[in-house]
């Protein structure tokens, strides 16, 4: 697991989480989840920006030679 935070000029704030691991005892089904959120202002008046990111990933190790992975990614930038 990983957790990250950042703070900077112009009210910049960012947080991120990265989780991964097995979902069963035989470790043939694995997951990974990345989440992030960011907000910032600017030297321009009345400017704010926000971003939200979600990226889940699921892997099934069917055999020694076969692996099936499903991945998605979502990025939102509300105005």
PDB file of N, CA and C in Angstrom:
ATOM      1  N   UNK A   1       0.837  -1.179   0.000  1.00  0.00           N
ATOM      2  CA  UNK A   1       0.000   0.000   0.000  1.00  0.00           C
ATOM      3  C   UNK A   1       0.876   1.235   0.000  1.00  0.00           C
ATOM      4  N   UNK A   2       0.342   2.300  -0.597  1.00  0.00           N
ATOM      5  CA  UNK A   2       1.092   3.545  -0.663  1.00  0.00           C
ATOM      6  C   UNK A   2       0.134   4.716  -0.475  1.00  0.00           C
ATOM      7  N   UNK A   3       0.576   5.715   0.266  1.00  0.00           N
ATOM      8  CA  UNK A   3      -0.194   6.929   0.499  1.00  0.00           C
ATOM      9  C   UNK A   3       0.718   8.120   0.244  1.00  0.00           C
ATOM     10  N   UNK A   4       0.232   9.098  -0.523  1.00  0.00           N
ATOM     11  CA  UNK A   4       1.053  10.250  -0.886  1.00  0.00           C
ATOM     12  C   UNK A   4       0.252  11.530  -0.669  1.00  0.00           C
ATOM     13  N   UNK A   5       0.894  12.547  -0.139  1.00  0.00           N
ATOM     14  CA  UNK A   5       0.277  13.865  -0.018  1.00  0.00           C
ATOM     15  C   UNK A   5       1.271  14.922  -0.477  1.00  0.00           C
ATOM     16  N   UNK A   6       0.736  15.981  -1.086  1.00  0.00           N
ATOM     17  CA  UNK A   6       1.564  17.096  -1.542  1.00  0.00           C
ATOM     18  C   UNK A   6       0.846  18.400  -1.234  1.00  0.00           C
ATOM     19  N   UNK A   7       1.614  19.416  -0.882  1.00  0.00           N
ATOM     20  CA  UNK A   7       1.096  20.747  -0.616  1.00  0.00           C
ATOM     21  C   UNK A   7       2.031  21.732  -1.294  1.00  0.00           C
ATOM     22  N   UNK A   8       1.451  22.775  -1.929  1.00  0.00           N
ATOM     23  CA  UNK A   8       2.303  23.743  -2.606  1.00  0.00           C
ATOM     24  C   UNK A   8       1.689  25.124  -2.666  1.00  0.00           C
ATOM     25  N   UNK A   9       2.299  25.980  -3.468  1.00  0.00           N
ATOM     26  CA  UNK A   9       1.834  27.355  -3.642  1.00  0.00           C
ATOM     27  C   UNK A   9       0.445  27.401  -4.262  1.00  0.00           C
ATOM     28  N   UNK A  10      -0.225  28.529  -4.111  1.00  0.00           N
ATOM     29  CA  UNK A  10      -1.552  28.766  -4.686  1.00  0.00           C
ATOM     30  C   UNK A  10      -2.566  27.727  -4.221  1.00  0.00           C
ATOM     31  N   UNK A  11      -2.511  27.377  -2.935  1.00  0.00           N
ATOM     32  CA  UNK A  11      -3.450  26.405  -2.344  1.00  0.00           C
ATOM     33  C   UNK A  11      -3.478  25.085  -3.113  1.00  0.00           C
ATOM     34  N   UNK A  12      -2.313  24.603  -3.467  1.00  0.00           N
ATOM     35  CA  UNK A  12      -2.200  23.314  -4.155  1.00  0.00           C
ATOM     36  C   UNK A  12      -2.211  22.200  -3.114  1.00  0.00           C
ATOM     37  N   UNK A  13      -3.132  21.269  -3.287  1.00  0.00           N
ATOM     38  CA  UNK A  13      -3.222  20.098  -2.418  1.00  0.00           C
ATOM     39  C   UNK A  13      -3.461  18.874  -3.295  1.00  0.00           C
ATOM     40  N   UNK A  14      -2.746  17.784  -3.002  1.00  0.00           N
ATOM     41  CA  UNK A  14      -2.921  16.547  -3.751  1.00  0.00           C
ATOM     42  C   UNK A  14      -2.764  15.375  -2.802  1.00  0.00           C
ATOM     43  N   UNK A  15      -3.654  14.400  -2.954  1.00  0.00           N
ATOM     44  CA  UNK A  15      -3.569  13.166  -2.199  1.00  0.00           C
ATOM     45  C   UNK A  15      -3.740  11.987  -3.131  1.00  0.00           C
ATOM     46  N   UNK A  16      -3.015  10.917  -2.875  1.00  0.00           N
ATOM     47  CA  UNK A  16      -3.095   9.731  -3.729  1.00  0.00           C
ATOM     48  C   UNK A  16      -2.948   8.477  -2.870  1.00  0.00           C
ATOM     49  N   UNK A  17      -3.666   7.436  -3.284  1.00  0.00           N
ATOM     50  CA  UNK A  17      -3.616   6.135  -2.619  1.00  0.00           C
ATOM     51  C   UNK A  17      -3.403   5.071  -3.686  1.00  0.00           C
ATOM     52  N   UNK A  18      -2.534   4.123  -3.415  1.00  0.00           N
ATOM     53  CA  UNK A  18      -2.271   2.993  -4.312  1.00  0.00           C
ATOM     54  C   UNK A  18      -2.371   1.722  -3.476  1.00  0.00           C
ATOM     55  N   UNK A  19      -3.373   0.903  -3.764  1.00  0.00           N
ATOM     56  CA  UNK A  19      -3.602  -0.349  -3.035  1.00  0.00           C
ATOM     57  C   UNK A  19      -3.469  -1.516  -3.997  1.00  0.00           C
ATOM     58  N   UNK A  20      -2.923  -2.628  -3.528  1.00  0.00           N
ATOM     59  CA  UNK A  20      -2.851  -3.833  -4.355  1.00  0.00           C
ATOM     60  C   UNK A  20      -2.684  -5.055  -3.470  1.00  0.00           C
ATOM     61  N   UNK A  21      -3.071  -6.200  -4.024  1.00  0.00           N
ATOM     62  CA  UNK A  21      -2.916  -7.436  -3.283  1.00  0.00           C
ATOM     63  C   UNK A  21      -3.771  -8.547  -3.849  1.00  0.00           C
ATOM     64  N   UNK A  22      -3.686  -9.729  -3.249  1.00  0.00           N
ATOM     65  CA  UNK A  22      -4.491 -10.869  -3.705  1.00  0.00           C
ATOM     66  C   UNK A  22      -5.906 -10.797  -3.126  1.00  0.00           C
ATOM     67  N   UNK A  23      -6.850 -11.371  -3.871  1.00  0.00           N
ATOM     68  CA  UNK A  23      -8.234 -11.440  -3.409  1.00  0.00           C
ATOM     69  C   UNK A  23      -8.632 -12.846  -2.973  1.00  0.00           C
ATOM     70  N   UNK A  24      -7.745 -13.828  -3.186  1.00  0.00           N
ATOM     71  CA  UNK A  24      -8.033 -15.194  -2.737  1.00  0.00           C
ATOM     72  C   UNK A  24      -6.766 -15.823  -2.138  1.00  0.00           C
ATOM     73  N   UNK A  25      -6.933 -16.939  -1.454  1.00  0.00           N
ATOM     74  CA  UNK A  25      -5.806 -17.596  -0.779  1.00  0.00           C
ATOM     75  C   UNK A  25      -4.763 -18.144  -1.740  1.00  0.00           C
ATOM     76  N   UNK A  26      -5.180 -18.571  -2.923  1.00  0.00           N
ATOM     77  CA  UNK A  26      -4.225 -19.132  -3.893  1.00  0.00           C
ATOM     78  C   UNK A  26      -3.510 -18.046  -4.695  1.00  0.00           C
ATOM     79  N   UNK A  27      -3.847 -16.784  -4.462  1.00  0.00           N
ATOM     80  CA  UNK A  27      -3.201 -15.637  -5.101  1.00  0.00           C
ATOM     81  C   UNK A  27      -3.304 -15.674  -6.620  1.00  0.00           C
ATOM     82  N   UNK A  28      -4.412 -16.187  -7.129  1.00  0.00           N
ATOM     83  CA  UNK A  28      -4.623 -16.207  -8.579  1.00  0.00           C
ATOM     84  C   UNK A  28      -5.510 -15.059  -9.038  1.00  0.00           C
ATOM     85  N   UNK A  29      -6.156 -14.384  -8.108  1.00  0.00           N
ATOM     86  CA  UNK A  29      -6.963 -13.203  -8.422  1.00  0.00           C
ATOM     87  C   UNK A  29      -6.359 -12.028  -7.649  1.00  0.00           C
ATOM     88  N   UNK A  30      -5.896 -11.033  -8.408  1.00  0.00           N
ATOM     89  CA  UNK A  30      -5.190  -9.897  -7.824  1.00  0.00           C
ATOM     90  C   UNK A  30      -5.906  -8.600  -8.174  1.00  0.00           C
ATOM     91  N   UNK A  31      -5.755  -7.606  -7.324  1.00  0.00           N
ATOM     92  CA  UNK A  31      -6.355  -6.302  -7.611  1.00  0.00           C
ATOM     93  C   UNK A  31      -5.321  -5.201  -7.419  1.00  0.00           C
ATOM     94  N   UNK A  32      -5.624  -4.066  -8.040  1.00  0.00           N
ATOM     95  CA  UNK A  32      -4.871  -2.845  -7.802  1.00  0.00           C
ATOM     96  C   UNK A  32      -5.845  -1.681  -7.956  1.00  0.00           C
ATOM     97  N   UNK A  33      -5.753  -0.720  -7.058  1.00  0.00           N
ATOM     98  CA  UNK A  33      -6.631   0.436  -7.095  1.00  0.00           C
ATOM     99  C   UNK A  33      -5.814   1.693  -6.841  1.00  0.00           C
ATOM    100  N   UNK A  34      -5.868   2.613  -7.791  1.00  0.00           N
ATOM    101  CA  UNK A  34      -5.211   3.913  -7.661  1.00  0.00           C
ATOM    102  C   UNK A  34      -6.284   4.990  -7.560  1.00  0.00           C
ATOM    103  N   UNK A  35      -6.183   5.836  -6.550  1.00  0.00           N
ATOM    104  CA  UNK A  35      -7.104   6.952  -6.350  1.00  0.00           C
ATOM    105  C   UNK A  35      -6.283   8.217  -6.134  1.00  0.00           C
ATOM    106  N   UNK A  36      -6.738   9.339  -6.697  1.00  0.00           N
ATOM    107  CA  UNK A  36      -6.051  10.614  -6.487  1.00  0.00           C
ATOM    108  C   UNK A  36      -7.053  11.756  -6.561  1.00  0.00           C
ATOM    109  N   UNK A  37      -6.787  12.794  -5.806  1.00  0.00           N
ATOM    110  CA  UNK A  37      -7.580  14.022  -5.841  1.00  0.00           C
ATOM    111  C   UNK A  37      -6.619  15.197  -5.733  1.00  0.00           C
ATOM    112  N   UNK A  38      -6.924  16.249  -6.508  1.00  0.00           N
ATOM    113  CA  UNK A  38      -6.040  17.415  -6.534  1.00  0.00           C
ATOM    114  C   UNK A  38      -6.884  18.678  -6.654  1.00  0.00           C
ATOM    115  N   UNK A  39      -6.482  19.712  -5.954  1.00  0.00           N
ATOM    116  CA  UNK A  39      -7.123  21.019  -6.074  1.00  0.00           C
ATOM    117  C   UNK A  39      -6.044  22.095  -6.043  1.00  0.00           C
ATOM    118  N   UNK A  40      -6.256  23.151  -6.810  1.00  0.00           N
ATOM    119  CA  UNK A  40      -5.286  24.238  -6.847  1.00  0.00           C
ATOM    120  C   UNK A  40      -5.962  25.527  -7.282  1.00  0.00           C
ATOM    121  N   UNK A  41      -5.353  26.640  -6.913  1.00  0.00           N
ATOM    122  CA  UNK A  41      -5.749  27.948  -7.397  1.00  0.00           C
ATOM    123  C   UNK A  41      -4.630  28.449  -8.301  1.00  0.00           C
ATOM    124  N   UNK A  42      -4.669  29.722  -8.681  1.00  0.00           N
ATOM    125  CA  UNK A  42      -3.657  30.267  -9.573  1.00  0.00           C
ATOM    126  C   UNK A  42      -3.389  31.717  -9.209  1.00  0.00           C
ATOM    127  N   UNK A  43      -2.413  32.312  -9.866  1.00  0.00           N
ATOM    128  CA  UNK A  43      -2.173  33.734  -9.680  1.00  0.00           C
ATOM    129  C   UNK A  43      -3.241  34.559 -10.384  1.00  0.00           C
ATOM    130  N   UNK A  44      -4.047  33.923 -11.271  1.00  0.00           N
ATOM    131  CA  UNK A  44      -5.208  34.587 -11.868  1.00  0.00           C
ATOM    132  C   UNK A  44      -6.318  34.649 -10.832  1.00  0.00           C
ATOM    133  N   UNK A  45      -7.050  35.731 -10.782  1.00  0.00           N
ATOM    134  CA  UNK A  45      -8.177  35.851  -9.855  1.00  0.00           C
ATOM    135  C   UNK A  45      -9.295  34.893 -10.245  1.00  0.00           C
ATOM    136  N   UNK A  46      -9.933  34.332  -9.243  1.00  0.00           N
ATOM    137  CA  UNK A  46     -11.127  33.484  -9.403  1.00  0.00           C
ATOM    138  C   UNK A  46     -10.864  32.218 -10.221  1.00  0.00           C
ATOM    139  N   UNK A  47      -9.645  31.726 -10.192  1.00  0.00           N
ATOM    140  CA  UNK A  47      -9.335  30.481 -10.908  1.00  0.00           C
ATOM    141  C   UNK A  47      -9.102  29.370  -9.897  1.00  0.00           C
ATOM    142  N   UNK A  48      -9.813  28.279 -10.059  1.00  0.00           N
ATOM    143  CA  UNK A  48      -9.611  27.075  -9.251  1.00  0.00           C
ATOM    144  C   UNK A  48      -9.676  25.872 -10.172  1.00  0.00           C
ATOM    145  N   UNK A  49      -8.900  24.864  -9.886  1.00  0.00           N
ATOM    146  CA  UNK A  49      -8.926  23.637 -10.683  1.00  0.00           C
ATOM    147  C   UNK A  49      -8.969  22.441  -9.738  1.00  0.00           C
ATOM    148  N   UNK A  50      -9.798  21.488 -10.082  1.00  0.00           N
ATOM    149  CA  UNK A  50      -9.902  20.245  -9.321  1.00  0.00           C
ATOM    150  C   UNK A  50      -9.789  19.070 -10.281  1.00  0.00           C
ATOM    151  N   UNK A  51      -9.184  17.992  -9.805  1.00  0.00           N
ATOM    152  CA  UNK A  51      -9.068  16.769 -10.595  1.00  0.00           C
ATOM    153  C   UNK A  51      -9.265  15.575  -9.674  1.00  0.00           C
ATOM    154  N   UNK A  52      -9.959  14.573 -10.195  1.00  0.00           N
ATOM    155  CA  UNK A  52     -10.191  13.331  -9.470  1.00  0.00           C
ATOM    156  C   UNK A  52      -9.864  12.178 -10.398  1.00  0.00           C
ATOM    157  N   UNK A  53      -9.139  11.191  -9.885  1.00  0.00           N
ATOM    158  CA  UNK A  53      -8.664  10.082 -10.707  1.00  0.00           C
ATOM    159  C   UNK A  53      -8.937   8.761  -9.992  1.00  0.00           C
ATOM    160  N   UNK A  54      -9.495   7.794 -10.734  1.00  0.00           N
ATOM    161  CA  UNK A  54      -9.749   6.444 -10.222  1.00  0.00           C
ATOM    162  C   UNK A  54      -9.294   5.456 -11.291  1.00  0.00           C
ATOM    163  N   UNK A  55      -8.497   4.464 -10.901  1.00  0.00           N
ATOM    164  CA  UNK A  55      -8.009   3.460 -11.854  1.00  0.00           C
ATOM    165  C   UNK A  55      -7.995   2.078 -11.191  1.00  0.00           C
ATOM    166  N   UNK A  56      -9.088   1.314 -11.325  1.00  0.00           N
ATOM    167  CA  UNK A  56      -9.097  -0.054 -10.801  1.00  0.00           C
ATOM    168  C   UNK A  56      -8.510  -1.034 -11.820  1.00  0.00           C
ATOM    169  N   UNK A  57      -7.960  -2.128 -11.311  1.00  0.00           N
ATOM    170  CA  UNK A  57      -7.351  -3.159 -12.145  1.00  0.00           C
ATOM    171  C   UNK A  57      -7.587  -4.511 -11.475  1.00  0.00           C
ATOM    172  N   UNK A  58      -8.031  -5.495 -12.236  1.00  0.00           N
ATOM    173  CA  UNK A  58      -8.288  -6.838 -11.721  1.00  0.00           C
ATOM    174  C   UNK A  58      -7.617  -7.854 -12.639  1.00  0.00           C
ATOM    175  N   UNK A  59      -6.819  -8.756 -12.061  1.00  0.00           N
ATOM    176  CA  UNK A  59      -6.101  -9.767 -12.840  1.00  0.00           C
ATOM    177  C   UNK A  59      -6.432 -11.158 -12.327  1.00  0.00           C
ATOM    178  N   UNK A  60      -6.692 -12.072 -13.256  1.00  0.00           N
ATOM    179  CA  UNK A  60      -6.950 -13.472 -12.948  1.00  0.00           C
ATOM    180  C   UNK A  60      -5.853 -14.299 -13.613  1.00  0.00           C
ATOM    181  N   UNK A  61      -5.030 -14.967 -12.818  1.00  0.00           N
ATOM    182  CA  UNK A  61      -3.977 -15.849 -13.323  1.00  0.00           C
ATOM    183  C   UNK A  61      -4.608 -17.212 -13.571  1.00  0.00           C
ATOM    184  N   UNK A  62      -5.054 -17.459 -14.789  1.00  0.00           N
ATOM    185  CA  UNK A  62      -5.795 -18.668 -15.131  1.00  0.00           C
ATOM    186  C   UNK A  62      -4.891 -19.893 -15.087  1.00  0.00           C
ATOM    187  N   UNK A  63      -3.690 -19.754 -15.633  1.00  0.00           N
ATOM    188  CA  UNK A  63      -2.699 -20.841 -15.611  1.00  0.00           C
ATOM    189  C   UNK A  63      -1.318 -20.197 -15.634  1.00  0.00           C
ATOM    190  N   UNK A  64      -0.275 -21.033 -15.713  1.00  0.00           N
ATOM    191  CA  UNK A  64       1.083 -20.503 -15.763  1.00  0.00           C
ATOM    192  C   UNK A  64       1.323 -19.649 -17.004  1.00  0.00           C
ATOM    193  N   UNK A  65       0.572 -19.934 -18.061  1.00  0.00           N
ATOM    194  CA  UNK A  65       0.792 -19.247 -19.329  1.00  0.00           C
ATOM    195  C   UNK A  65      -0.359 -18.329 -19.737  1.00  0.00           C
ATOM    196  N   UNK A  66      -1.399 -18.239 -18.912  1.00  0.00           N
ATOM    197  CA  UNK A  66      -2.569 -17.442 -19.280  1.00  0.00           C
ATOM    198  C   UNK A  66      -2.964 -16.513 -18.141  1.00  0.00           C
ATOM    199  N   UNK A  67      -3.073 -15.243 -18.487  1.00  0.00           N
ATOM    200  CA  UNK A  67      -3.462 -14.225 -17.520  1.00  0.00           C
ATOM    201  C   UNK A  67      -4.528 -13.340 -18.173  1.00  0.00           C
ATOM    202  N   UNK A  68      -5.571 -13.022 -17.417  1.00  0.00           N
ATOM    203  CA  UNK A  68      -6.653 -12.168 -17.907  1.00  0.00           C
ATOM    204  C   UNK A  68      -6.716 -10.928 -17.015  1.00  0.00           C
ATOM    205  N   UNK A  69      -6.608  -9.746 -17.628  1.00  0.00           N
ATOM    206  CA  UNK A  69      -6.599  -8.501 -16.878  1.00  0.00           C
ATOM    207  C   UNK A  69      -7.673  -7.558 -17.402  1.00  0.00           C
ATOM    208  N   UNK A  70      -8.399  -6.957 -16.473  1.00  0.00           N
ATOM    209  CA  UNK A  70      -9.386  -5.930 -16.803  1.00  0.00           C
ATOM    210  C   UNK A  70      -8.939  -4.658 -16.091  1.00  0.00           C
ATOM    211  N   UNK A  71      -8.836  -3.578 -16.847  1.00  0.00           N
ATOM    212  CA  UNK A  71      -8.385  -2.303 -16.286  1.00  0.00           C
ATOM    213  C   UNK A  71      -9.287  -1.176 -16.767  1.00  0.00           C
ATOM    214  N   UNK A  72      -9.462  -0.191 -15.909  1.00  0.00           N
ATOM    215  CA  UNK A  72     -10.260   0.983 -16.266  1.00  0.00           C
ATOM    216  C   UNK A  72      -9.573   2.218 -15.701  1.00  0.00           C
ATOM    217  N   UNK A  73      -9.949   3.361 -16.247  1.00  0.00           N
ATOM    218  CA  UNK A  73      -9.385   4.619 -15.795  1.00  0.00           C
ATOM    219  C   UNK A  73     -10.440   5.713 -15.941  1.00  0.00           C
ATOM    220  N   UNK A  74     -10.573   6.536 -14.924  1.00  0.00           N
ATOM    221  CA  UNK A  74     -11.545   7.633 -14.947  1.00  0.00           C
ATOM    222  C   UNK A  74     -10.871   8.881 -14.411  1.00  0.00           C
ATOM    223  N   UNK A  75     -10.964   9.976 -15.190  1.00  0.00           N
ATOM    224  CA  UNK A  75     -10.402  11.257 -14.783  1.00  0.00           C
ATOM    225  C   UNK A  75     -11.498  12.313 -14.904  1.00  0.00           C
ATOM    226  N   UNK A  76     -11.780  13.004 -13.813  1.00  0.00           N
ATOM    227  CA  UNK A  76     -12.786  14.065 -13.817  1.00  0.00           C
ATOM    228  C   UNK A  76     -12.103  15.390 -13.532  1.00  0.00           C
ATOM    229  N   UNK A  77     -12.468  16.395 -14.323  1.00  0.00           N
ATOM    230  CA  UNK A  77     -11.971  17.744 -14.106  1.00  0.00           C
ATOM    231  C   UNK A  77     -13.158  18.701 -14.107  1.00  0.00           C
ATOM    232  N   UNK A  78     -13.910  18.754 -13.003  1.00  0.00           N
ATOM    233  CA  UNK A  78     -15.078  19.641 -12.955  1.00  0.00           C
ATOM    234  C   UNK A  78     -14.668  21.102 -13.112  1.00  0.00           C
ATOM    235  N   UNK A  79     -15.524  21.853 -13.743  1.00  0.00           N
ATOM    236  CA  UNK A  79     -15.229  23.283 -13.971  1.00  0.00           C
ATOM    237  C   UNK A  79     -15.850  24.126 -12.910  1.00  0.00           C
TER     238      UNK A  79
END
